[in-house]
Amino acid sequence: MKMKYLLGVSLVAAPLLLSQGGCSHQITADSVRSNMSPEMETMAQTSEQRKNEVARAVDTNLRQLNNDWDSFWLLDRPLRLSMYPVPLK
């Protein structure tokens, strides 16, 4: 009996308490007009998405730099200047 009473009270009290806290922040037309897209930094990305994209591009470029450096110094594959057959890998 006591459990049913507590369940009933909580089912009535929870929506009342949640509805009181949900409307505490007033949104006015002026606040919307002053910042039409509050989280967007570009046309399609938030600042966090843009930072992630830049970090991913920098990481990819730095990893590719190692491959380019090896190609420049001809370290990416064995030389084929020997007159004898050399196994490749």
Foldseek 3Di string as FASTA:
>chain_A
DVVVVVVVVCVVVVVVVVVVVPPPDDDDPVVCVVPVDPQCPDPPDGPVVVVVVVVVVVVVVVVVVVVVVCVVVVNPFDDPPDPDDDDTD
